[in-house]
N, C-alpha and C. Protein backbone atom coordinates (compact mmCIF):
# COMPACT_ATOMS: atom_id res chain seq x y z
N UNK A 1 -118.73 16.95 -61.33
CA UNK A 1 -118.53 15.56 -61.70
C UNK A 1 -117.30 15.45 -60.47
N UNK A 2 -117.27 14.40 -59.53
CA UNK A 2 -116.42 14.18 -58.46
C UNK A 2 -115.15 13.65 -59.30
N UNK A 3 -113.81 13.59 -58.67
CA UNK A 3 -112.95 12.41 -59.36
C UNK A 3 -113.02 11.56 -59.15
N UNK A 4 -113.93 10.53 -58.54
CA UNK A 4 -113.92 9.51 -58.59
C UNK A 4 -115.14 8.90 -59.58
N UNK A 5 -115.65 9.71 -60.56
CA UNK A 5 -116.68 9.28 -61.42
C UNK A 5 -115.91 9.71 -62.81
N UNK A 6 -115.11 10.32 -62.62
CA UNK A 6 -114.26 10.98 -64.04
C UNK A 6 -113.72 9.72 -64.34
N UNK A 7 -113.65 9.51 -66.00
CA UNK A 7 -112.70 8.59 -66.94
C UNK A 7 -112.09 9.26 -67.67
N UNK A 8 -110.97 8.50 -68.45
CA UNK A 8 -110.15 9.00 -69.69
C UNK A 8 -110.11 7.83 -70.07
N UNK A 9 -109.72 8.29 -71.16
CA UNK A 9 -109.78 6.70 -72.06
C UNK A 9 -108.41 5.95 -72.14
N UNK A 10 -108.24 4.66 -72.82
CA UNK A 10 -106.67 3.97 -72.93
C UNK A 10 -106.96 2.87 -73.86
N UNK A 11 -106.14 3.14 -74.75
CA UNK A 11 -106.09 1.86 -76.15
C UNK A 11 -104.74 2.06 -76.84
N UNK A 12 -104.53 0.45 -76.99
CA UNK A 12 -103.06 0.57 -76.93
C UNK A 12 -103.53 -0.70 -78.11
N UNK A 13 -102.25 -0.54 -79.33
CA UNK A 13 -102.48 -1.60 -80.38
C UNK A 13 -100.71 -1.85 -80.83
N UNK A 14 -101.05 -3.68 -81.37
CA UNK A 14 -99.89 -3.66 -81.60
C UNK A 14 -98.47 -2.56 -82.40
N UNK A 15 -97.39 -3.11 -81.75
CA UNK A 15 -96.57 -2.14 -82.94
C UNK A 15 -96.43 -2.50 -83.73
N UNK A 16 -97.03 -2.45 -85.51
CA UNK A 16 -96.46 -3.36 -86.37
C UNK A 16 -94.87 -3.32 -87.21
N UNK A 17 -94.26 -2.22 -86.89
CA UNK A 17 -93.09 -2.56 -87.03
C UNK A 17 -92.25 -2.93 -86.54
N UNK A 18 -92.17 -3.72 -85.28
CA UNK A 18 -91.16 -4.38 -84.44
C UNK A 18 -90.72 -5.37 -85.49
N UNK A 19 -89.18 -5.74 -85.50
CA UNK A 19 -88.51 -6.99 -85.73
C UNK A 19 -88.75 -8.48 -84.86
N UNK A 20 -89.24 -9.02 -85.29
CA UNK A 20 -89.31 -10.43 -83.84
C UNK A 20 -88.29 -10.74 -83.31
N UNK A 21 -88.20 -10.43 -82.01
CA UNK A 21 -87.09 -10.92 -81.15
C UNK A 21 -86.43 -9.19 -80.87
N UNK A 22 -86.46 -8.49 -81.40
CA UNK A 22 -86.32 -7.24 -80.99
C UNK A 22 -86.41 -6.40 -79.83
N UNK A 23 -85.50 -5.51 -79.23
CA UNK A 23 -86.03 -4.71 -78.08
C UNK A 23 -86.82 -3.35 -78.16
N UNK A 24 -87.56 -3.33 -79.65
CA UNK A 24 -88.69 -2.25 -79.59
C UNK A 24 -89.63 -2.90 -78.90
N UNK A 25 -90.33 -1.48 -78.72
CA UNK A 25 -91.86 -1.74 -77.60
C UNK A 25 -92.77 -2.54 -78.49
N UNK A 26 -93.22 -3.17 -78.05
CA UNK A 26 -94.47 -4.11 -78.42
C UNK A 26 -96.03 -3.22 -78.56
N UNK A 27 -96.24 -2.82 -77.75
CA UNK A 27 -97.67 -1.66 -77.89
C UNK A 27 -97.68 -0.57 -77.79
N UNK A 28 -98.11 0.27 -78.93
CA UNK A 28 -98.02 1.44 -78.67
C UNK A 28 -99.63 1.84 -78.69
N UNK A 29 -99.70 3.38 -78.34
CA UNK A 29 -101.19 4.15 -78.26
C UNK A 29 -101.18 5.07 -77.44
N UNK A 30 -102.55 5.46 -77.16
CA UNK A 30 -102.44 6.42 -76.09
C UNK A 30 -103.47 6.51 -74.98
N UNK A 31 -103.61 7.08 -73.88
CA UNK A 31 -104.24 7.20 -72.89
C UNK A 31 -104.69 8.77 -72.69
N UNK A 32 -105.74 9.24 -71.51
CA UNK A 32 -105.74 10.39 -71.27
C UNK A 32 -106.01 10.46 -69.75
N UNK A 33 -106.05 11.51 -69.37
CA UNK A 33 -106.02 11.37 -67.37
C UNK A 33 -107.62 11.80 -67.10
N UNK A 34 -108.19 11.12 -66.46
CA UNK A 34 -109.78 11.63 -66.09
C UNK A 34 -109.48 12.89 -65.81
N UNK A 35 -110.22 13.54 -66.40
CA UNK A 35 -110.95 14.96 -65.87
C UNK A 35 -109.66 16.22 -66.30
N UNK A 36 -109.57 15.69 -67.87
CA UNK A 36 -108.19 16.36 -68.01
C UNK A 36 -108.32 16.05 -69.93
N UNK A 37 -108.60 17.58 -70.55
CA UNK A 37 -107.90 17.74 -72.13
C UNK A 37 -107.29 16.96 -72.84
N UNK A 38 -107.24 16.28 -73.61
CA UNK A 38 -105.97 15.81 -74.39
C UNK A 38 -105.67 14.12 -74.31
N UNK A 39 -105.06 13.75 -75.30
CA UNK A 39 -104.45 12.71 -74.77
C UNK A 39 -102.82 12.67 -74.82
N UNK A 40 -102.08 11.11 -74.26
CA UNK A 40 -100.96 11.41 -74.48
C UNK A 40 -100.43 10.30 -74.69
N UNK A 41 -99.11 9.83 -75.51
CA UNK A 41 -98.94 8.78 -75.75
C UNK A 41 -98.47 8.18 -75.25
N UNK A 42 -98.26 6.91 -75.57
CA UNK A 42 -97.98 5.94 -74.33
C UNK A 42 -97.50 4.05 -75.01
N UNK A 43 -96.66 3.93 -74.57
CA UNK A 43 -95.54 2.84 -75.21
C UNK A 43 -95.23 1.46 -74.53
N UNK A 44 -95.83 0.49 -74.78
CA UNK A 44 -95.54 -0.26 -73.35
C UNK A 44 -94.47 -1.72 -74.13
N UNK A 45 -94.07 -2.50 -72.84
CA UNK A 45 -93.26 -4.01 -73.49
C UNK A 45 -93.85 -4.51 -72.59
N UNK A 46 -93.77 -6.13 -73.33
CA UNK A 46 -94.73 -7.14 -72.89
C UNK A 46 -93.80 -7.81 -72.61
N UNK A 47 -94.25 -8.74 -71.04
CA UNK A 47 -93.12 -8.60 -70.22
C UNK A 47 -93.66 -10.20 -69.39
N UNK A 48 -92.89 -11.12 -68.97
CA UNK A 48 -93.58 -12.47 -67.66
C UNK A 48 -93.52 -12.48 -66.83
N UNK A 49 -94.00 -12.63 -65.74
CA UNK A 49 -93.60 -12.63 -64.05
C UNK A 49 -92.98 -14.17 -63.90
N UNK A 50 -92.80 -13.89 -62.79
CA UNK A 50 -92.10 -15.31 -62.17
C UNK A 50 -92.85 -16.56 -61.80
N UNK A 51 -94.25 -16.43 -62.32
CA UNK A 51 -95.37 -17.21 -62.71
C UNK A 51 -95.45 -17.50 -63.98
N UNK A 52 -94.86 -16.56 -64.85
CA UNK A 52 -94.79 -16.86 -66.16
C UNK A 52 -96.02 -16.39 -66.58
N UNK A 53 -96.73 -15.44 -66.05
CA UNK A 53 -97.70 -14.48 -66.37
C UNK A 53 -97.68 -13.63 -67.18
N UNK A 54 -98.21 -12.62 -67.82
CA UNK A 54 -98.29 -11.93 -69.25
C UNK A 54 -98.10 -10.71 -68.37
N UNK A 55 -96.98 -9.24 -68.46
CA UNK A 55 -98.09 -8.28 -67.92
C UNK A 55 -97.30 -7.19 -69.01
N UNK A 56 -97.60 -5.71 -68.98
CA UNK A 56 -96.89 -5.00 -69.50
C UNK A 56 -96.96 -3.89 -68.77
N UNK A 57 -95.74 -3.24 -69.11
CA UNK A 57 -94.68 -2.17 -68.74
C UNK A 57 -94.59 -1.57 -69.73
N UNK A 58 -94.59 0.12 -69.70
CA UNK A 58 -94.01 1.32 -70.25
C UNK A 58 -94.25 2.59 -69.53
N UNK A 59 -93.98 3.53 -70.23
CA UNK A 59 -94.38 4.58 -70.21
C UNK A 59 -95.20 5.84 -70.63
N UNK A 60 -95.95 6.77 -70.62
CA UNK A 60 -96.76 7.86 -70.95
C UNK A 60 -95.90 8.90 -71.17
N UNK A 61 -96.21 9.55 -72.59
CA UNK A 61 -95.11 10.43 -73.20
C UNK A 61 -95.83 12.26 -72.12
N UNK A 62 -94.87 12.99 -71.65
CA UNK A 62 -95.42 13.72 -70.45
C UNK A 62 -96.21 14.60 -71.14
N UNK A 63 -95.80 15.16 -72.73
CA UNK A 63 -96.16 16.17 -73.42
C UNK A 63 -97.87 15.65 -74.00
N UNK A 64 -99.06 16.02 -73.69
CA UNK A 64 -100.42 15.63 -74.53
C UNK A 64 -99.87 15.80 -75.71
N UNK A 65 -100.87 14.61 -76.94
CA UNK A 65 -101.12 15.05 -78.03
C UNK A 65 -101.69 16.25 -78.58
N UNK A 66 -101.45 17.06 -79.31
CA UNK A 66 -102.09 18.17 -80.08
C UNK A 66 -101.60 18.74 -81.01
N UNK A 67 -103.23 19.26 -81.82
CA UNK A 67 -102.50 19.57 -83.04
C UNK A 67 -101.60 21.56 -83.25
N UNK A 68 -101.58 21.44 -81.51
CA UNK A 68 -101.80 23.23 -81.41
C UNK A 68 -100.15 23.14 -81.10
N UNK A 69 -99.55 23.53 -81.98
CA UNK A 69 -98.23 23.76 -81.43
C UNK A 69 -97.65 24.89 -80.49
N UNK A 70 -98.77 25.92 -80.60
CA UNK A 70 -98.36 26.98 -79.27
C UNK A 70 -98.43 26.13 -77.74
N UNK A 71 -99.47 25.68 -77.90
CA UNK A 71 -99.42 24.75 -76.58
C UNK A 71 -98.94 23.91 -76.39
N UNK A 72 -98.05 23.36 -77.19
CA UNK A 72 -97.24 22.19 -76.69
C UNK A 72 -96.09 23.34 -76.38
N UNK A 73 -95.87 24.56 -76.64
CA UNK A 73 -94.72 24.95 -76.24
C UNK A 73 -94.78 25.74 -74.48
N UNK A 74 -95.55 25.78 -75.12
CA UNK A 74 -96.63 26.68 -73.29
C UNK A 74 -96.49 25.67 -72.17
N UNK A 75 -96.64 24.00 -72.76
CA UNK A 75 -96.21 23.10 -71.60
C UNK A 75 -95.17 22.94 -71.80
N UNK A 76 -94.16 22.90 -72.61
CA UNK A 76 -92.60 22.48 -72.15
C UNK A 76 -92.33 23.98 -71.46
N UNK A 77 -93.18 24.88 -71.07
CA UNK A 77 -92.38 26.53 -70.70
C UNK A 77 -92.88 26.13 -68.86
N UNK A 78 -93.44 25.07 -69.11
CA UNK A 78 -93.98 24.84 -67.58
C UNK A 78 -92.95 24.00 -66.90
N UNK A 79 -93.10 24.34 -65.68
CA UNK A 79 -92.20 23.90 -64.56
C UNK A 79 -91.86 22.36 -64.92
N UNK A 80 -91.37 21.61 -64.48
CA UNK A 80 -91.28 20.04 -64.89
C UNK A 80 -91.98 19.17 -63.65
N UNK A 81 -92.04 17.50 -63.92
CA UNK A 81 -92.82 16.96 -62.86
C UNK A 81 -92.16 16.76 -61.97
N UNK A 82 -92.87 16.72 -60.55
CA UNK A 82 -91.75 16.51 -59.41
C UNK A 82 -90.80 14.91 -59.18
N UNK A 83 -91.03 14.28 -60.02
CA UNK A 83 -89.94 13.42 -59.81
C UNK A 83 -90.50 12.66 -58.76
N UNK A 84 -91.67 12.32 -58.45
CA UNK A 84 -91.69 11.43 -57.31
C UNK A 84 -92.69 10.09 -57.35
N UNK A 85 -91.94 9.08 -57.10
CA UNK A 85 -92.56 7.99 -56.91
C UNK A 85 -93.38 7.49 -56.25
N UNK A 86 -94.74 7.01 -57.09
CA UNK A 86 -95.71 6.98 -55.78
C UNK A 86 -96.08 5.56 -56.04
N UNK A 87 -96.82 5.46 -54.34
CA UNK A 87 -96.77 4.19 -54.26
C UNK A 87 -98.64 4.17 -54.40
N UNK A 88 -98.59 2.99 -55.39
CA UNK A 88 -99.56 2.28 -56.40
C UNK A 88 -100.83 1.22 -55.76
N UNK A 89 -99.77 0.57 -54.54
CA UNK A 89 -100.09 -0.26 -54.09
C UNK A 89 -99.61 -1.18 -53.21
N UNK A 90 -100.02 -2.67 -52.28
CA UNK A 90 -98.94 -3.18 -51.46
C UNK A 90 -97.36 -3.97 -52.43
N UNK A 91 -96.32 -3.81 -52.63
CA UNK A 91 -95.11 -3.82 -53.51
C UNK A 91 -95.23 -3.13 -54.63
N UNK A 92 -95.69 -2.08 -54.69
CA UNK A 92 -96.42 -1.54 -55.92
C UNK A 92 -95.99 -0.02 -56.09
N UNK A 93 -94.54 0.19 -56.89
CA UNK A 93 -94.31 1.72 -56.69
C UNK A 93 -94.24 2.09 -57.83
N UNK A 94 -94.42 3.40 -58.62
CA UNK A 94 -94.41 3.48 -59.79
C UNK A 94 -93.80 5.19 -60.07
N UNK A 95 -92.91 4.99 -60.86
CA UNK A 95 -91.44 6.11 -61.13
C UNK A 95 -92.53 7.79 -62.33
N UNK A 96 -92.22 8.47 -62.07
CA UNK A 96 -93.05 9.50 -62.79
C UNK A 96 -93.51 8.97 -64.33
N UNK A 97 -94.41 9.24 -64.83
CA UNK A 97 -94.84 8.24 -66.18
C UNK A 97 -95.05 6.95 -66.44
N UNK A 98 -94.85 6.38 -65.37
CA UNK A 98 -94.29 4.69 -65.68
C UNK A 98 -95.86 4.12 -65.49
N UNK A 99 -95.99 3.34 -66.59
CA UNK A 99 -97.37 2.44 -66.82
C UNK A 99 -97.11 1.07 -66.47
N UNK A 100 -97.88 0.27 -65.57
CA UNK A 100 -98.00 -1.04 -65.56
C UNK A 100 -99.98 -1.76 -65.89
N UNK A 101 -99.55 -2.92 -66.67
CA UNK A 101 -100.81 -3.99 -66.53
C UNK A 101 -100.72 -5.38 -66.10
N UNK A 102 -101.36 -5.64 -65.15
CA UNK A 102 -101.68 -7.38 -64.88
C UNK A 102 -102.54 -7.84 -65.38
N UNK A 103 -102.69 -9.34 -66.04
CA UNK A 103 -103.38 -10.18 -65.85
C UNK A 103 -104.32 -9.53 -64.38
N UNK A 104 -105.62 -10.11 -64.92
CA UNK A 104 -106.85 -9.86 -64.49
C UNK A 104 -106.90 -11.38 -63.51
N UNK A 105 -106.49 -11.75 -62.45
CA UNK A 105 -106.70 -12.80 -62.05
C UNK A 105 -108.30 -13.14 -61.64
N UNK A 106 -108.77 -12.31 -61.32
CA UNK A 106 -110.62 -11.80 -60.35
C UNK A 106 -111.30 -12.28 -61.94
N UNK A 107 -110.65 -12.28 -63.30
CA UNK A 107 -111.84 -12.53 -64.00
C UNK A 107 -111.83 -14.50 -64.14
N UNK A 108 -110.52 -14.69 -64.01
CA UNK A 108 -110.30 -16.72 -63.93
C UNK A 108 -111.85 -16.78 -63.10
N UNK A 109 -112.27 -17.91 -64.40
CA UNK A 109 -113.66 -18.71 -63.48
C UNK A 109 -113.04 -19.15 -62.16
N UNK A 110 -114.64 -19.63 -61.52
CA UNK A 110 -114.17 -19.97 -60.05
C UNK A 110 -115.36 -21.50 -60.41
N UNK A 111 -115.21 -22.32 -59.68
CA UNK A 111 -116.81 -23.10 -59.99
C UNK A 111 -117.36 -22.74 -58.68
N UNK A 112 -116.99 -22.33 -57.36
CA UNK A 112 -118.09 -21.69 -56.83
C UNK A 112 -118.62 -20.73 -56.99
N UNK A 113 -118.77 -20.29 -58.33
CA UNK A 113 -119.22 -19.38 -58.85
C UNK A 113 -121.19 -19.87 -58.76
N UNK A 114 -122.50 -19.10 -59.11
CA UNK A 114 -123.80 -19.19 -59.65
C UNK A 114 -123.57 -19.13 -60.71
N UNK A 115 -124.29 -19.08 -61.70
CA UNK A 115 -124.63 -18.42 -63.14
C UNK A 115 -124.43 -17.43 -63.57
N UNK A 116 -124.90 -16.73 -62.47
CA UNK A 116 -125.03 -14.84 -62.60
C UNK A 116 -123.90 -14.88 -62.05
N UNK A 117 -123.34 -14.98 -61.18
CA UNK A 117 -121.73 -14.56 -60.36
C UNK A 117 -120.99 -14.78 -61.89
N UNK A 118 -120.68 -16.23 -62.20
CA UNK A 118 -120.16 -16.17 -63.44
C UNK A 118 -120.42 -14.98 -64.51
N UNK A 119 -121.41 -15.04 -65.05
CA UNK A 119 -121.26 -13.98 -65.55
C UNK A 119 -121.02 -12.70 -65.76
N UNK A 120 -121.18 -12.35 -64.30
CA UNK A 120 -120.75 -11.03 -63.94
C UNK A 120 -119.09 -10.80 -64.26
N UNK A 121 -118.90 -12.29 -63.30
CA UNK A 121 -116.92 -12.60 -63.78
C UNK A 121 -116.63 -12.09 -64.99
N UNK A 122 -116.95 -12.51 -66.39
CA UNK A 122 -116.92 -12.50 -66.88
C UNK A 122 -116.47 -11.24 -67.94
N UNK A 123 -117.47 -10.20 -67.12
CA UNK A 123 -117.29 -8.83 -67.61
C UNK A 123 -116.51 -7.96 -67.22
N UNK A 124 -115.83 -8.89 -66.42
CA UNK A 124 -114.54 -7.92 -65.49
C UNK A 124 -113.15 -7.79 -66.54
N UNK A 125 -112.74 -6.63 -66.33
CA UNK A 125 -111.77 -6.52 -67.54
C UNK A 125 -110.40 -7.49 -67.27
N UNK A 126 -109.96 -7.50 -68.90
CA UNK A 126 -108.90 -8.24 -68.59
C UNK A 126 -107.25 -8.02 -68.42
N UNK A 127 -107.14 -7.06 -67.99
CA UNK A 127 -106.29 -6.38 -67.73
C UNK A 127 -106.40 -5.44 -66.80
N UNK A 128 -105.52 -5.26 -65.52
CA UNK A 128 -106.04 -3.52 -64.70
C UNK A 128 -103.91 -3.08 -64.52
N UNK A 129 -103.94 -1.80 -64.05
CA UNK A 129 -103.11 -1.53 -63.75
C UNK A 129 -103.17 -0.45 -63.41
N UNK A 130 -101.58 0.79 -63.41
CA UNK A 130 -101.82 1.72 -62.52
C UNK A 130 -100.54 2.74 -63.43
N UNK A 131 -101.12 4.23 -64.04
CA UNK A 131 -99.67 5.05 -64.02
C UNK A 131 -99.92 6.06 -63.60
N UNK A 132 -98.81 6.62 -63.61
CA UNK A 132 -98.42 7.64 -62.27
C UNK A 132 -98.01 8.86 -63.14
N UNK A 133 -99.14 10.04 -63.35
CA UNK A 133 -99.12 11.10 -64.60
C UNK A 133 -97.92 11.62 -64.66
N UNK A 134 -97.02 11.62 -63.02
CA UNK A 134 -95.58 12.28 -62.68
C UNK A 134 -95.75 14.25 -62.61
N UNK A 135 -97.10 14.47 -62.17
CA UNK A 135 -96.91 15.80 -61.76
C UNK A 135 -97.17 16.01 -60.86
N UNK A 136 -97.26 15.01 -59.25
CA UNK A 136 -98.07 15.57 -58.22
C UNK A 136 -99.27 15.38 -58.14
N UNK A 137 -99.98 14.83 -59.42
CA UNK A 137 -100.96 14.19 -58.85
C UNK A 137 -101.27 12.72 -59.22
N UNK A 138 -102.55 11.95 -58.04
CA UNK A 138 -102.37 10.82 -57.36
C UNK A 138 -102.38 9.99 -58.75
N UNK A 139 -101.89 8.55 -58.61
CA UNK A 139 -102.03 7.56 -58.93
C UNK A 139 -103.49 7.27 -59.85
N UNK A 140 -103.24 6.63 -61.22
CA UNK A 140 -104.46 6.65 -61.78
C UNK A 140 -104.77 5.18 -61.87
N UNK A 141 -105.72 4.37 -62.21
CA UNK A 141 -105.90 2.94 -62.44
C UNK A 141 -106.46 2.74 -63.96
N UNK A 142 -105.92 1.55 -64.49
CA UNK A 142 -106.95 1.34 -66.04
C UNK A 142 -107.62 -0.09 -65.66
N UNK A 143 -108.20 -0.30 -66.66
CA UNK A 143 -109.02 -1.29 -66.76
C UNK A 143 -108.99 -1.42 -68.65
N UNK A 144 -108.33 -2.70 -68.87
CA UNK A 144 -108.73 -2.82 -69.80
C UNK A 144 -109.38 -4.48 -70.72
N UNK A 145 -109.75 -4.40 -71.57
CA UNK A 145 -110.04 -5.58 -72.20
C UNK A 145 -109.12 -5.90 -73.65
N UNK A 146 -109.50 -6.90 -73.93
CA UNK A 146 -108.62 -7.42 -75.16
C UNK A 146 -109.52 -7.39 -76.32
N UNK A 147 -109.03 -7.12 -77.42
CA UNK A 147 -110.10 -6.91 -78.47
C UNK A 147 -109.04 -7.16 -79.73
N UNK A 148 -109.28 -6.52 -81.29
CA UNK A 148 -109.20 -6.96 -82.43
C UNK A 148 -109.48 -5.63 -83.03
N UNK A 149 -107.98 -5.62 -83.82
CA UNK A 149 -108.61 -4.05 -85.13
C UNK A 149 -108.85 -4.93 -86.15
N UNK A 150 -109.55 -4.21 -87.34
CA UNK A 150 -109.70 -5.07 -88.26
C UNK A 150 -108.99 -6.16 -89.11
N UNK A 151 -108.04 -5.99 -88.93
CA UNK A 151 -106.95 -7.69 -89.32
C UNK A 151 -106.59 -8.48 -88.40
N UNK A 152 -107.30 -8.06 -87.36
CA UNK A 152 -107.25 -9.28 -86.33
C UNK A 152 -106.01 -9.13 -85.22
N UNK A 153 -105.29 -7.76 -85.42
CA UNK A 153 -104.48 -7.84 -84.46
C UNK A 153 -104.80 -7.01 -83.61
N UNK A 154 -104.08 -7.59 -82.08
CA UNK A 154 -104.39 -7.68 -80.99
C UNK A 154 -104.65 -5.65 -80.78
N UNK A 155 -105.93 -5.49 -79.57
CA UNK A 155 -105.40 -4.24 -79.52
C UNK A 155 -105.95 -4.52 -77.55
N UNK A 156 -105.50 -3.32 -76.78
CA UNK A 156 -106.28 -3.37 -75.34
C UNK A 156 -106.96 -1.78 -75.44
N UNK A 157 -107.90 -2.03 -74.98
CA UNK A 157 -109.22 -1.34 -75.03
C UNK A 157 -109.61 -1.05 -73.51
N UNK A 158 -109.87 0.19 -73.14
CA UNK A 158 -110.79 0.61 -71.89
C UNK A 158 -110.46 2.10 -71.62
N UNK A 159 -110.96 1.97 -69.67
CA UNK A 159 -110.95 3.59 -69.53
C UNK A 159 -109.62 3.66 -68.18
N UNK A 160 -109.36 5.02 -67.84
CA UNK A 160 -108.73 5.54 -66.77
C UNK A 160 -110.23 5.88 -65.77
N UNK A 161 -109.35 5.65 -64.48
CA UNK A 161 -110.42 6.20 -63.62
C UNK A 161 -109.72 6.81 -61.82
N UNK A 162 -109.89 7.33 -61.25
CA UNK A 162 -109.15 7.17 -60.41
C UNK A 162 -109.49 6.64 -59.37
N UNK A 163 -108.78 5.86 -58.58
CA UNK A 163 -108.57 4.14 -57.58
C UNK A 163 -109.84 4.99 -56.26
N UNK A 164 -110.49 4.51 -56.05
CA UNK A 164 -111.65 5.05 -54.93
C UNK A 164 -111.41 3.94 -53.77
N UNK A 165 -111.35 4.64 -52.85
CA UNK A 165 -111.42 3.61 -51.33
C UNK A 165 -111.97 2.58 -51.19
N UNK A 166 -111.58 1.41 -50.74
CA UNK A 166 -112.18 0.25 -50.67
C UNK A 166 -112.49 -0.81 -51.65
N UNK A 167 -112.38 0.09 -52.91
CA UNK A 167 -112.36 -0.79 -54.30
C UNK A 167 -111.44 -1.32 -54.98
N UNK A 168 -111.40 -2.16 -56.11
CA UNK A 168 -110.72 -2.86 -56.36
C UNK A 168 -111.25 -2.88 -57.77
N UNK A 169 -110.31 -2.15 -58.79
CA UNK A 169 -110.98 -2.06 -60.04
C UNK A 169 -110.76 -3.78 -60.26
N UNK A 170 -109.89 -4.50 -60.59
CA UNK A 170 -109.77 -5.68 -61.26
C UNK A 170 -110.79 -6.47 -60.93
N UNK A 171 -111.69 -6.26 -59.81
CA UNK A 171 -113.12 -6.90 -59.66
C UNK A 171 -114.31 -5.85 -59.31
N UNK A 172 -114.07 -5.31 -60.48
CA UNK A 172 -115.12 -4.49 -60.53
C UNK A 172 -116.10 -4.97 -61.99
N UNK A 173 -117.39 -5.04 -61.89
CA UNK A 173 -117.84 -5.44 -63.64
C UNK A 173 -118.05 -3.69 -64.26
N UNK A 174 -116.86 -3.01 -65.27
CA UNK A 174 -117.18 -2.05 -65.79
C UNK A 174 -117.59 -2.29 -67.44
N UNK A 175 -118.20 -1.03 -68.13
CA UNK A 175 -118.37 -1.11 -68.86
C UNK A 175 -117.38 -1.16 -70.31
N UNK A 176 -117.39 -2.55 -70.63
CA UNK A 176 -116.52 -2.99 -71.94
C UNK A 176 -116.79 -1.85 -72.95
N UNK A 177 -115.19 -1.06 -73.59
CA UNK A 177 -115.61 0.11 -74.81
C UNK A 177 -115.94 -0.86 -76.05
N UNK A 178 -117.08 0.03 -76.75
CA UNK A 178 -117.38 -0.56 -78.33
C UNK A 178 -116.10 -0.91 -79.25
N UNK A 179 -116.68 -2.01 -80.20
CA UNK A 179 -115.51 -2.98 -80.56
C UNK A 179 -115.04 -2.65 -81.75
N UNK A 180 -115.64 -1.31 -82.25
CA UNK A 180 -115.28 -0.29 -83.62
C UNK A 180 -113.58 0.41 -83.04
N UNK A 181 -113.64 0.10 -82.27
CA UNK A 181 -111.76 1.19 -82.27
C UNK A 181 -111.00 0.79 -83.29
N UNK A 182 -109.85 0.86 -83.32
CA UNK A 182 -109.44 1.06 -84.92
C UNK A 182 -107.48 1.17 -84.82
N UNK A 183 -106.49 0.45 -85.09
CA UNK A 183 -105.80 0.41 -85.04
C UNK A 183 -105.12 2.34 -84.93
N UNK A 184 -105.64 3.00 -85.38
CA UNK A 184 -105.34 4.71 -85.92
C UNK A 184 -105.87 5.72 -84.46
N UNK A 185 -106.37 4.72 -84.16
CA UNK A 185 -107.36 5.44 -82.95
C UNK A 185 -105.87 4.92 -81.96
N UNK A 186 -105.49 3.80 -81.70
CA UNK A 186 -104.53 3.25 -80.72
C UNK A 186 -103.26 4.31 -80.94
N UNK A 187 -103.02 4.25 -82.20
CA UNK A 187 -101.46 4.57 -82.74
C UNK A 187 -101.21 6.18 -82.96
N UNK A 188 -102.28 6.47 -82.46
CA UNK A 188 -102.61 8.43 -82.07
C UNK A 188 -102.23 9.06 -83.40
N UNK A 189 -103.05 8.38 -83.81
CA UNK A 189 -103.77 9.06 -85.73
C UNK A 189 -104.94 10.41 -85.64
N UNK A 190 -105.33 10.56 -86.25
CA UNK A 190 -106.50 11.66 -85.97
C UNK A 190 -107.36 11.55 -85.01
N UNK A 191 -107.55 10.10 -84.16
CA UNK A 191 -108.46 10.15 -83.36
C UNK A 191 -109.54 9.85 -83.84
N UNK A 192 -110.22 9.78 -84.39
CA UNK A 192 -112.18 9.94 -84.87
C UNK A 192 -112.14 8.42 -84.97
N UNK A 193 -113.58 8.07 -84.80
CA UNK A 193 -113.66 6.84 -84.38
C UNK A 193 -114.02 5.96 -86.03
N UNK A 194 -113.51 4.32 -85.80
CA UNK A 194 -114.18 4.61 -87.52
C UNK A 194 -115.14 3.78 -87.46
N UNK A 195 -115.67 2.87 -88.25
CA UNK A 195 -115.67 1.08 -87.81
C UNK A 195 -114.69 0.63 -88.38
N UNK A 196 -115.65 -0.75 -88.79
CA UNK A 196 -114.47 -1.80 -89.18
C UNK A 196 -114.41 -1.54 -90.77
N UNK A 197 -115.28 -1.05 -91.56
CA UNK A 197 -115.29 -1.54 -92.75
C UNK A 197 -114.19 0.01 -93.54
N UNK A 198 -113.72 0.64 -92.66
CA UNK A 198 -112.85 2.09 -92.81
C UNK A 198 -111.18 0.95 -93.23
N UNK A 199 -110.96 1.88 -94.28
CA UNK A 199 -109.34 1.00 -94.17
C UNK A 199 -108.17 2.11 -93.58
N UNK A 200 -107.89 1.45 -92.27
CA UNK A 200 -106.88 2.45 -91.61
C UNK A 200 -105.72 1.81 -92.04
N UNK A 201 -104.77 1.31 -92.72
CA UNK A 201 -104.08 1.03 -93.07
C UNK A 201 -103.04 2.08 -93.79
N UNK A 202 -103.78 3.31 -94.30
CA UNK A 202 -102.65 4.39 -94.43
C UNK A 202 -101.78 4.94 -93.79
């Protein structure tokens, strides 16, 4: 499988422990780097840009999530990331392990669209973004859709891919993730898929 066709996962849910008005993180979850085993924890804060549009900014954990303590120690013993700031697009540079998501303006309705074009536009991701893996490998793209957990709290779920030359992931019509995701998956629990009738509050 080529690097351009590999996909990883992305899912974050609302931080249920945040106190209103505090500086605590707003969303927590996990992501995976395309073509690699294991997930990384991710923490995001909800911001607004100069035009009052919401966006998310945060960081991924350099250490993959795993039950294998020996593997964690081996990872920590490896040389650290390069510390390189990577160019992720025009006027967009990302520090090592930085994650950013923007509202997708390519999804906004266009009166000039035909019904078929409007249908395709509606399938585009709600947010798009980039993250810097922090290990001298290229910037990775993110496509996410807004959904809810079983308690109707917001979730952002989607996929990660390597950007392809000449294509903009925010303008692509890609596969929406299944609706059966849970907060446990987002918050770094067991990672098992669960239907909506499972109690995930434990």
